[in-house]
């Protein structure tokens, strides 16, 4: 199964993802915007789907969350998340291994905030729709759902070079739907981390949200390298200037 191969990829590269400060390209271009759009989180119960080694979960906890529950398909990543949270977490933090496409054993019936930071990237359109239905069922009134994915144009316009790329292997934008594109994303220390992206069109995201029962248009942010990034480390970021790197979807519950 695809999920098994993705779990293995993250199990084998868990050390490359473990960090206590921004290190990977998307830590700079994407994750700060997740925190920005998630706010306020003070006093909120947060569900983190595809929590990885807990980097974003820890940021959410530090921002004042009342509790954080995270799941991830990689047991190695979950182990690192549990270990990091054990050393003085500012709120109750629980992490479990599981597949978001069929996970049901949530500790709460409802959450105020739900995030899926580059987890939807690893799902088929059908699995994505299933996850969206799960999110809608457990999102509290007035709650907020935020997910991020690689920009669907990126595999078609980026050369196969650092600091990030996905290889479409010649498949076109429409024929490539539900095909897995392998690639790499770079860390500032020069290491390349393997990633994968199951291709979806813009319409696929909107259609899945509608099929799951969401009735309002999401807010969308196309994420990119900024002048602030270049001022921090021009050599690292300049190769991605001008490219749409990632998408952020924010859906507010009614």
C-alpha atoms as a PDB file:
ATOM      1  CA  UNK A   1       0.000   0.000   0.000  1.00  0.00           C
ATOM      2  CA  UNK A   2       1.065   3.580  -0.597  1.00  0.00           C
ATOM      3  CA  UNK A   3       0.568   4.367   3.093  1.00  0.00           C
ATOM      4  CA  UNK A   4       3.034   1.638   4.057  1.00  0.00           C
ATOM      5  CA  UNK A   5       5.714   3.043   1.754  1.00  0.00           C
ATOM      6  CA  UNK A   6       5.151   6.583   3.053  1.00  0.00           C
ATOM      7  CA  UNK A   7       5.382   5.368   6.652  1.00  0.00           C
ATOM      8  CA  UNK A   8       8.643   3.610   5.828  1.00  0.00           C
ATOM      9  CA  UNK A   9      10.048   6.723   4.191  1.00  0.00           C
ATOM     10  CA  UNK A  10       9.396   8.777   7.312  1.00  0.00           C
ATOM     11  CA  UNK A  11      10.556   6.024   9.665  1.00  0.00           C
ATOM     12  CA  UNK A  12      13.877   5.910   7.829  1.00  0.00           C
ATOM     13  CA  UNK A  13      14.316   9.690   7.773  1.00  0.00           C
ATOM     14  CA  UNK A  14      12.909  10.623  11.171  1.00  0.00           C
ATOM     15  CA  UNK A  15      16.251  12.053  12.309  1.00  0.00           C
ATOM     16  CA  UNK A  16      16.245  14.461   9.361  1.00  0.00           C
ATOM     17  CA  UNK A  17      12.856  15.837  10.427  1.00  0.00           C
ATOM     18  CA  UNK A  18      13.638  16.158  14.128  1.00  0.00           C
ATOM     19  CA  UNK A  19      14.407  19.765  15.025  1.00  0.00           C
ATOM     20  CA  UNK A  20      13.855  22.345  17.739  1.00  0.00           C
ATOM     21  CA  UNK A  21      14.116  25.381  15.466  1.00  0.00           C
ATOM     22  CA  UNK A  22      13.282  26.195  11.821  1.00  0.00           C
ATOM     23  CA  UNK A  23      15.512  24.120   9.570  1.00  0.00           C
ATOM     24  CA  UNK A  24      13.601  22.757   6.557  1.00  0.00           C
ATOM     25  CA  UNK A  25      12.554  25.105   3.728  1.00  0.00           C
ATOM     26  CA  UNK A  26       8.846  24.863   4.590  1.00  0.00           C
ATOM     27  CA  UNK A  27       9.610  25.735   8.229  1.00  0.00           C
ATOM     28  CA  UNK A  28      10.235  29.217   6.874  1.00  0.00           C
ATOM     29  CA  UNK A  29       7.845  29.533   3.950  1.00  0.00           C
ATOM     30  CA  UNK A  30       4.803  27.657   5.286  1.00  0.00           C
ATOM     31  CA  UNK A  31       4.663  26.797   8.984  1.00  0.00           C
ATOM     32  CA  UNK A  32       4.768  30.400  10.307  1.00  0.00           C
ATOM     33  CA  UNK A  33       1.659  31.114   8.222  1.00  0.00           C
ATOM     34  CA  UNK A  34      -0.052  28.064   9.717  1.00  0.00           C
ATOM     35  CA  UNK A  35       0.477  29.548  13.174  1.00  0.00           C
ATOM     36  CA  UNK A  36      -0.650  32.967  11.954  1.00  0.00           C
ATOM     37  CA  UNK A  37      -3.911  31.664  10.481  1.00  0.00           C
ATOM     38  CA  UNK A  38      -4.517  29.330  13.415  1.00  0.00           C
ATOM     39  CA  UNK A  39      -4.509  32.166  15.945  1.00  0.00           C
ATOM     40  CA  UNK A  40      -5.876  32.574  18.458  1.00  0.00           C
ATOM     41  CA  UNK A  41      -5.121  29.166  19.954  1.00  0.00           C
ATOM     42  CA  UNK A  42      -5.126  30.199  23.604  1.00  0.00           C
ATOM     43  CA  UNK A  43      -7.457  27.889  25.470  1.00  0.00           C
ATOM     44  CA  UNK A  44      -8.168  25.787  22.367  1.00  0.00           C
ATOM     45  CA  UNK A  45      -8.116  22.032  21.932  1.00  0.00           C
ATOM     46  CA  UNK A  46      -6.037  21.238  18.828  1.00  0.00           C
ATOM     47  CA  UNK A  47      -5.966  18.148  16.617  1.00  0.00           C
ATOM     48  CA  UNK A  48      -2.795  17.712  14.540  1.00  0.00           C
ATOM     49  CA  UNK A  49      -3.254  15.228  11.676  1.00  0.00           C
ATOM     50  CA  UNK A  50       0.082  14.041  10.346  1.00  0.00           C
ATOM     51  CA  UNK A  51       1.915  15.532  13.311  1.00  0.00           C
ATOM     52  CA  UNK A  52       5.315  14.138  12.347  1.00  0.00           C
ATOM     53  CA  UNK A  53       7.861  14.555  15.120  1.00  0.00           C
ATOM     54  CA  UNK A  54       5.693  17.211  16.749  1.00  0.00           C
ATOM     55  CA  UNK A  55       7.417  20.391  15.564  1.00  0.00           C
ATOM     56  CA  UNK A  56       4.198  22.292  14.788  1.00  0.00           C
ATOM     57  CA  UNK A  57       2.394  20.739  17.752  1.00  0.00           C
ATOM     58  CA  UNK A  58       5.049  22.174  20.066  1.00  0.00           C
ATOM     59  CA  UNK A  59       4.676  25.604  18.486  1.00  0.00           C
ATOM     60  CA  UNK A  60       0.907  25.390  18.984  1.00  0.00           C
ATOM     61  CA  UNK A  61       1.370  24.393  22.617  1.00  0.00           C
ATOM     62  CA  UNK A  62       3.771  27.273  23.183  1.00  0.00           C
ATOM     63  CA  UNK A  63       1.182  29.627  21.665  1.00  0.00           C
ATOM     64  CA  UNK A  64      -1.252  28.775  24.466  1.00  0.00           C
ATOM     65  CA  UNK A  65      -3.257  25.723  23.358  1.00  0.00           C
ATOM     66  CA  UNK A  66      -5.226  23.964  26.094  1.00  0.00           C
ATOM     67  CA  UNK A  67      -4.356  20.526  24.697  1.00  0.00           C
ATOM     68  CA  UNK A  68      -2.811  18.984  21.578  1.00  0.00           C
ATOM     69  CA  UNK A  69      -3.549  15.539  20.178  1.00  0.00           C
ATOM     70  CA  UNK A  70      -1.493  14.373  17.221  1.00  0.00           C
ATOM     71  CA  UNK A  71      -1.471  11.289  15.022  1.00  0.00           C
ATOM     72  CA  UNK A  72       1.008  10.199  12.394  1.00  0.00           C
ATOM     73  CA  UNK A  73       1.453   7.122  10.256  1.00  0.00           C
ATOM     74  CA  UNK A  74       5.159   6.894  11.156  1.00  0.00           C
ATOM     75  CA  UNK A  75       5.791   5.261  14.530  1.00  0.00           C
ATOM     76  CA  UNK A  76       9.346   6.614  14.522  1.00  0.00           C
ATOM     77  CA  UNK A  77       8.095  10.178  14.126  1.00  0.00           C
ATOM     78  CA  UNK A  78       5.474   9.671  16.829  1.00  0.00           C
ATOM     79  CA  UNK A  79       8.153   8.352  19.168  1.00  0.00           C
ATOM     80  CA  UNK A  80      10.182  11.512  18.694  1.00  0.00           C
ATOM     81  CA  UNK A  81       7.097  13.668  19.248  1.00  0.00           C
ATOM     82  CA  UNK A  82       6.358  11.848  22.497  1.00  0.00           C
ATOM     83  CA  UNK A  83       9.941  12.174  23.658  1.00  0.00           C
ATOM     84  CA  UNK A  84      10.088  15.913  22.932  1.00  0.00           C
ATOM     85  CA  UNK A  85       6.739  16.552  24.648  1.00  0.00           C
ATOM     86  CA  UNK A  86       7.835  14.653  27.757  1.00  0.00           C
ATOM     87  CA  UNK A  87      10.403  17.313  28.617  1.00  0.00           C
ATOM     88  CA  UNK A  88       8.251  20.107  29.983  1.00  0.00           C
ATOM     89  CA  UNK A  89       5.339  20.600  27.568  1.00  0.00           C
ATOM     90  CA  UNK A  90       3.271  23.717  28.371  1.00  0.00           C
ATOM     91  CA  UNK A  91      -0.016  21.798  27.961  1.00  0.00           C
ATOM     92  CA  UNK A  92      -1.159  18.172  27.758  1.00  0.00           C
ATOM     93  CA  UNK A  93       0.224  16.709  24.522  1.00  0.00           C
ATOM     94  CA  UNK A  94      -0.611  13.205  23.306  1.00  0.00           C
ATOM     95  CA  UNK A  95       0.657  11.497  20.160  1.00  0.00           C
ATOM     96  CA  UNK A  96      -0.407   8.196  18.636  1.00  0.00           C
ATOM     97  CA  UNK A  97       0.458   6.192  15.544  1.00  0.00           C
ATOM     98  CA  UNK A  98      -2.378   5.973  13.060  1.00  0.00           C
ATOM     99  CA  UNK A  99      -3.624   6.579   9.551  1.00  0.00           C
ATOM    100  CA  UNK A 100      -5.732   9.747   9.335  1.00  0.00           C
ATOM    101  CA  UNK A 101      -7.816   8.155   6.564  1.00  0.00           C
ATOM    102  CA  UNK A 102      -9.381   5.676   8.997  1.00  0.00           C
ATOM    103  CA  UNK A 103      -8.432   6.807  12.523  1.00  0.00           C
ATOM    104  CA  UNK A 104     -11.402   7.011  14.919  1.00  0.00           C
ATOM    105  CA  UNK A 105      -9.980   6.758  18.440  1.00  0.00           C
ATOM    106  CA  UNK A 106      -9.910  10.468  19.216  1.00  0.00           C
ATOM    107  CA  UNK A 107      -9.724  11.523  22.878  1.00  0.00           C
ATOM    108  CA  UNK A 108     -12.402  14.185  22.321  1.00  0.00           C
ATOM    109  CA  UNK A 109     -15.578  14.417  20.256  1.00  0.00           C
ATOM    110  CA  UNK A 110     -14.746  17.931  19.116  1.00  0.00           C
ATOM    111  CA  UNK A 111     -11.669  20.096  18.591  1.00  0.00           C
ATOM    112  CA  UNK A 112     -11.469  23.881  18.259  1.00  0.00           C
ATOM    113  CA  UNK A 113      -8.630  23.753  15.764  1.00  0.00           C
ATOM    114  CA  UNK A 114      -7.598  21.039  13.323  1.00  0.00           C
ATOM    115  CA  UNK A 115      -4.378  21.179  11.312  1.00  0.00           C
ATOM    116  CA  UNK A 116      -2.918  18.915   8.646  1.00  0.00           C
ATOM    117  CA  UNK A 117       0.484  20.298   7.700  1.00  0.00           C
ATOM    118  CA  UNK A 118       1.585  18.536   4.493  1.00  0.00           C
ATOM    119  CA  UNK A 119      -0.293  15.366   5.444  1.00  0.00           C
ATOM    120  CA  UNK A 120      -2.991  15.652   2.771  1.00  0.00           C
ATOM    121  CA  UNK A 121      -0.106  15.540   0.272  1.00  0.00           C
ATOM    122  CA  UNK A 122       0.216  11.799   0.885  1.00  0.00           C
ATOM    123  CA  UNK A 123      -3.434  10.893   0.315  1.00  0.00           C
ATOM    124  CA  UNK A 124      -5.434   9.987  -2.753  1.00  0.00           C
ATOM    125  CA  UNK A 125      -8.439  12.133  -3.631  1.00  0.00           C
ATOM    126  CA  UNK A 126     -10.767   9.531  -2.098  1.00  0.00           C
ATOM    127  CA  UNK A 127      -8.710   9.358   1.116  1.00  0.00           C
ATOM    128  CA  UNK A 128      -8.577  13.159   1.263  1.00  0.00           C
ATOM    129  CA  UNK A 129     -12.376  13.351   1.067  1.00  0.00           C
ATOM    130  CA  UNK A 130     -12.666  10.803   3.874  1.00  0.00           C
ATOM    131  CA  UNK A 131     -10.311  12.825   6.068  1.00  0.00           C
ATOM    132  CA  UNK A 132     -12.232  16.021   5.328  1.00  0.00           C
ATOM    133  CA  UNK A 133     -15.445  14.309   6.452  1.00  0.00           C
ATOM    134  CA  UNK A 134     -13.736  13.235   9.671  1.00  0.00           C
ATOM    135  CA  UNK A 135     -12.497  16.771  10.252  1.00  0.00           C
ATOM    136  CA  UNK A 136     -15.939  18.252   9.678  1.00  0.00           C
ATOM    137  CA  UNK A 137     -17.504  15.798  12.128  1.00  0.00           C
ATOM    138  CA  UNK A 138     -15.060  16.632  14.913  1.00  0.00           C
ATOM    139  CA  UNK A 139     -14.670  20.385  14.321  1.00  0.00           C
ATOM    140  CA  UNK A 140     -16.390  22.377  17.062  1.00  0.00           C
ATOM    141  CA  UNK A 141     -18.814  25.177  16.143  1.00  0.00           C
ATOM    142  CA  UNK A 142     -16.733  28.250  15.392  1.00  0.00           C
ATOM    143  CA  UNK A 143     -13.689  26.045  14.925  1.00  0.00           C
ATOM    144  CA  UNK A 144     -11.072  26.262  12.223  1.00  0.00           C
ATOM    145  CA  UNK A 145      -9.416  23.749   9.900  1.00  0.00           C
ATOM    146  CA  UNK A 146      -6.088  24.532   8.243  1.00  0.00           C
ATOM    147  CA  UNK A 147      -4.194  22.291   5.874  1.00  0.00           C
ATOM    148  CA  UNK A 148      -1.168  22.829   3.678  1.00  0.00           C
ATOM    149  CA  UNK A 149      -0.022  21.048   0.526  1.00  0.00           C
ATOM    150  CA  UNK A 150       2.653  21.560  -2.100  1.00  0.00           C
ATOM    151  CA  UNK A 151       1.427  23.933  -4.784  1.00  0.00           C
ATOM    152  CA  UNK A 152      -0.092  21.762  -7.548  1.00  0.00           C
ATOM    153  CA  UNK A 153       1.842  23.683 -10.201  1.00  0.00           C
ATOM    154  CA  UNK A 154       5.216  23.147  -8.535  1.00  0.00           C
ATOM    155  CA  UNK A 155       6.109  19.781 -10.141  1.00  0.00           C
ATOM    156  CA  UNK A 156       5.513  21.291 -13.579  1.00  0.00           C
ATOM    157  CA  UNK A 157       7.486  24.511 -13.275  1.00  0.00           C
ATOM    158  CA  UNK A 158      10.382  23.757 -10.908  1.00  0.00           C
ATOM    159  CA  UNK A 159      13.656  22.265 -12.146  1.00  0.00           C
ATOM    160  CA  UNK A 160      14.866  19.173 -10.304  1.00  0.00           C
ATOM    161  CA  UNK A 161      17.173  21.088  -7.988  1.00  0.00           C
ATOM    162  CA  UNK A 162      17.375  22.522  -4.476  1.00  0.00           C
ATOM    163  CA  UNK A 163      15.804  23.819  -2.339  1.00  0.00           C
ATOM    164  CA  UNK A 164      12.691  21.785  -3.302  1.00  0.00           C
ATOM    165  CA  UNK A 165      11.310  19.797  -6.186  1.00  0.00           C
ATOM    166  CA  UNK A 166       8.881  17.028  -7.152  1.00  0.00           C
ATOM    167  CA  UNK A 167       9.433  14.907 -10.251  1.00  0.00           C
ATOM    168  CA  UNK A 168       6.280  14.466 -12.336  1.00  0.00           C
ATOM    169  CA  UNK A 169       8.136  12.061 -14.669  1.00  0.00           C
ATOM    170  CA  UNK A 170       6.418  13.581 -17.676  1.00  0.00           C
ATOM    171  CA  UNK A 171       2.855  13.177 -16.430  1.00  0.00           C
ATOM    172  CA  UNK A 172       0.640  16.155 -17.176  1.00  0.00           C
ATOM    173  CA  UNK A 173      -1.383  18.247 -14.743  1.00  0.00           C
ATOM    174  CA  UNK A 174      -4.646  16.342 -15.283  1.00  0.00           C
ATOM    175  CA  UNK A 175      -3.402  12.834 -16.069  1.00  0.00           C
ATOM    176  CA  UNK A 176      -1.180  12.892 -12.987  1.00  0.00           C
ATOM    177  CA  UNK A 177      -4.020  13.047 -10.446  1.00  0.00           C
ATOM    178  CA  UNK A 178      -3.562  10.458  -7.676  1.00  0.00           C
ATOM    179  CA  UNK A 179      -0.062   9.677  -8.942  1.00  0.00           C
ATOM    180  CA  UNK A 180       2.768   9.913  -6.429  1.00  0.00           C
ATOM    181  CA  UNK A 181       5.581  12.333  -7.304  1.00  0.00           C
ATOM    182  CA  UNK A 182       8.831  11.779  -5.453  1.00  0.00           C
ATOM    183  CA  UNK A 183      11.112  14.679  -4.630  1.00  0.00           C
ATOM    184  CA  UNK A 184      13.329  16.371  -2.085  1.00  0.00           C
ATOM    185  CA  UNK A 185      13.152  19.353   0.226  1.00  0.00           C
ATOM    186  CA  UNK A 186      16.347  20.843   1.612  1.00  0.00           C
ATOM    187  CA  UNK A 187      17.432  21.819   5.093  1.00  0.00           C
ATOM    188  CA  UNK A 188      19.536  24.929   5.742  1.00  0.00           C
ATOM    189  CA  UNK A 189      22.430  22.697   6.781  1.00  0.00           C
ATOM    190  CA  UNK A 190      22.580  21.383   3.207  1.00  0.00           C
ATOM    191  CA  UNK A 191      20.912  18.012   3.746  1.00  0.00           C
ATOM    192  CA  UNK A 192      18.158  16.928   1.354  1.00  0.00           C
ATOM    193  CA  UNK A 193      15.123  15.148   2.843  1.00  0.00           C
ATOM    194  CA  UNK A 194      13.025  12.823   0.638  1.00  0.00           C
ATOM    195  CA  UNK A 195       9.363  13.773   0.290  1.00  0.00           C
ATOM    196  CA  UNK A 196       6.440  12.678  -1.824  1.00  0.00           C
ATOM    197  CA  UNK A 197       3.345  14.364  -3.191  1.00  0.00           C
ATOM    198  CA  UNK A 198       0.207  12.646  -4.472  1.00  0.00           C
ATOM    199  CA  UNK A 199      -0.876  15.047  -7.181  1.00  0.00           C
ATOM    200  CA  UNK A 200      -4.227  16.819  -7.095  1.00  0.00           C
ATOM    201  CA  UNK A 201      -5.592  19.725  -9.098  1.00  0.00           C
ATOM    202  CA  UNK A 202      -7.021  22.887  -7.553  1.00  0.00           C
ATOM    203  CA  UNK A 203     -10.502  21.576  -8.367  1.00  0.00           C
ATOM    204  CA  UNK A 204      -9.826  18.335  -6.486  1.00  0.00           C
ATOM    205  CA  UNK A 205      -9.321  20.215  -3.213  1.00  0.00           C
ATOM    206  CA  UNK A 206     -12.495  22.269  -3.628  1.00  0.00           C
ATOM    207  CA  UNK A 207     -14.538  19.263  -4.714  1.00  0.00           C
ATOM    208  CA  UNK A 208     -13.374  17.195  -1.739  1.00  0.00           C
ATOM    209  CA  UNK A 209     -14.237  19.969   0.720  1.00  0.00           C
ATOM    210  CA  UNK A 210     -17.711  20.265  -0.812  1.00  0.00           C
ATOM    211  CA  UNK A 211     -18.212  16.488  -0.783  1.00  0.00           C
ATOM    212  CA  UNK A 212     -17.290  16.462   2.911  1.00  0.00           C
ATOM    213  CA  UNK A 213     -20.025  18.983   3.637  1.00  0.00           C
ATOM    214  CA  UNK A 214     -18.069  22.215   4.042  1.00  0.00           C
ATOM    215  CA  UNK A 215     -20.268  24.999   2.698  1.00  0.00           C
ATOM    216  CA  UNK A 216     -18.058  28.078   2.812  1.00  0.00           C
ATOM    217  CA  UNK A 217     -15.183  28.998   0.543  1.00  0.00           C
ATOM    218  CA  UNK A 218     -11.769  28.488   2.116  1.00  0.00           C
ATOM    219  CA  UNK A 219      -9.226  31.225   2.479  1.00  0.00           C
ATOM    220  CA  UNK A 220      -6.214  30.369   0.325  1.00  0.00           C
ATOM    221  CA  UNK A 221      -2.628  31.573   0.670  1.00  0.00           C
ATOM    222  CA  UNK A 222      -0.031  30.772  -1.983  1.00  0.00           C
ATOM    223  CA  UNK A 223       3.250  30.599  -0.101  1.00  0.00           C
ATOM    224  CA  UNK A 224       6.589  31.745  -1.434  1.00  0.00           C
ATOM    225  CA  UNK A 225      10.075  32.998  -0.634  1.00  0.00           C
ATOM    226  CA  UNK A 226       9.952  36.573   0.692  1.00  0.00           C
ATOM    227  CA  UNK A 227      12.462  39.371   1.057  1.00  0.00           C
ATOM    228  CA  UNK A 228      12.746  38.469   4.746  1.00  0.00           C
ATOM    229  CA  UNK A 229      13.842  34.970   3.793  1.00  0.00           C
ATOM    230  CA  UNK A 230      16.467  36.321   1.415  1.00  0.00           C
ATOM    231  CA  UNK A 231      17.770  38.673   4.093  1.00  0.00           C
ATOM    232  CA  UNK A 232      18.146  35.697   6.418  1.00  0.00           C
ATOM    233  CA  UNK A 233      19.976  33.372   4.009  1.00  0.00           C
ATOM    234  CA  UNK A 234      20.096  34.390   0.355  1.00  0.00           C
ATOM    235  CA  UNK A 235      22.159  31.382  -0.734  1.00  0.00           C
ATOM    236  CA  UNK A 236      19.585  28.966   0.656  1.00  0.00           C
ATOM    237  CA  UNK A 237      16.376  30.655  -0.500  1.00  0.00           C
ATOM    238  CA  UNK A 238      17.248  32.351  -3.795  1.00  0.00           C
ATOM    239  CA  UNK A 239      16.794  29.206  -5.894  1.00  0.00           C
ATOM    240  CA  UNK A 240      13.073  29.216  -5.059  1.00  0.00           C
ATOM    241  CA  UNK A 241      12.365  32.922  -5.621  1.00  0.00           C
ATOM    242  CA  UNK A 242       9.292  33.535  -7.756  1.00  0.00           C
ATOM    243  CA  UNK A 243       7.883  30.015  -7.504  1.00  0.00           C
ATOM    244  CA  UNK A 244       4.537  29.167  -5.864  1.00  0.00           C
ATOM    245  CA  UNK A 245       5.828  26.666  -3.309  1.00  0.00           C
ATOM    246  CA  UNK A 246       2.905  25.674  -1.114  1.00  0.00           C
ATOM    247  CA  UNK A 247      -0.799  26.281  -0.569  1.00  0.00           C
ATOM    248  CA  UNK A 248      -2.570  26.954   2.713  1.00  0.00           C
ATOM    249  CA  UNK A 249      -6.321  26.337   2.990  1.00  0.00           C
ATOM    250  CA  UNK A 250      -8.220  27.779   5.949  1.00  0.00           C
ATOM    251  CA  UNK A 251     -11.850  26.759   6.524  1.00  0.00           C
ATOM    252  CA  UNK A 252     -13.842  28.310   9.363  1.00  0.00           C
ATOM    253  CA  UNK A 253     -16.721  26.244  10.754  1.00  0.00           C
ATOM    254  CA  UNK A 254     -20.132  27.866  10.943  1.00  0.00           C
END
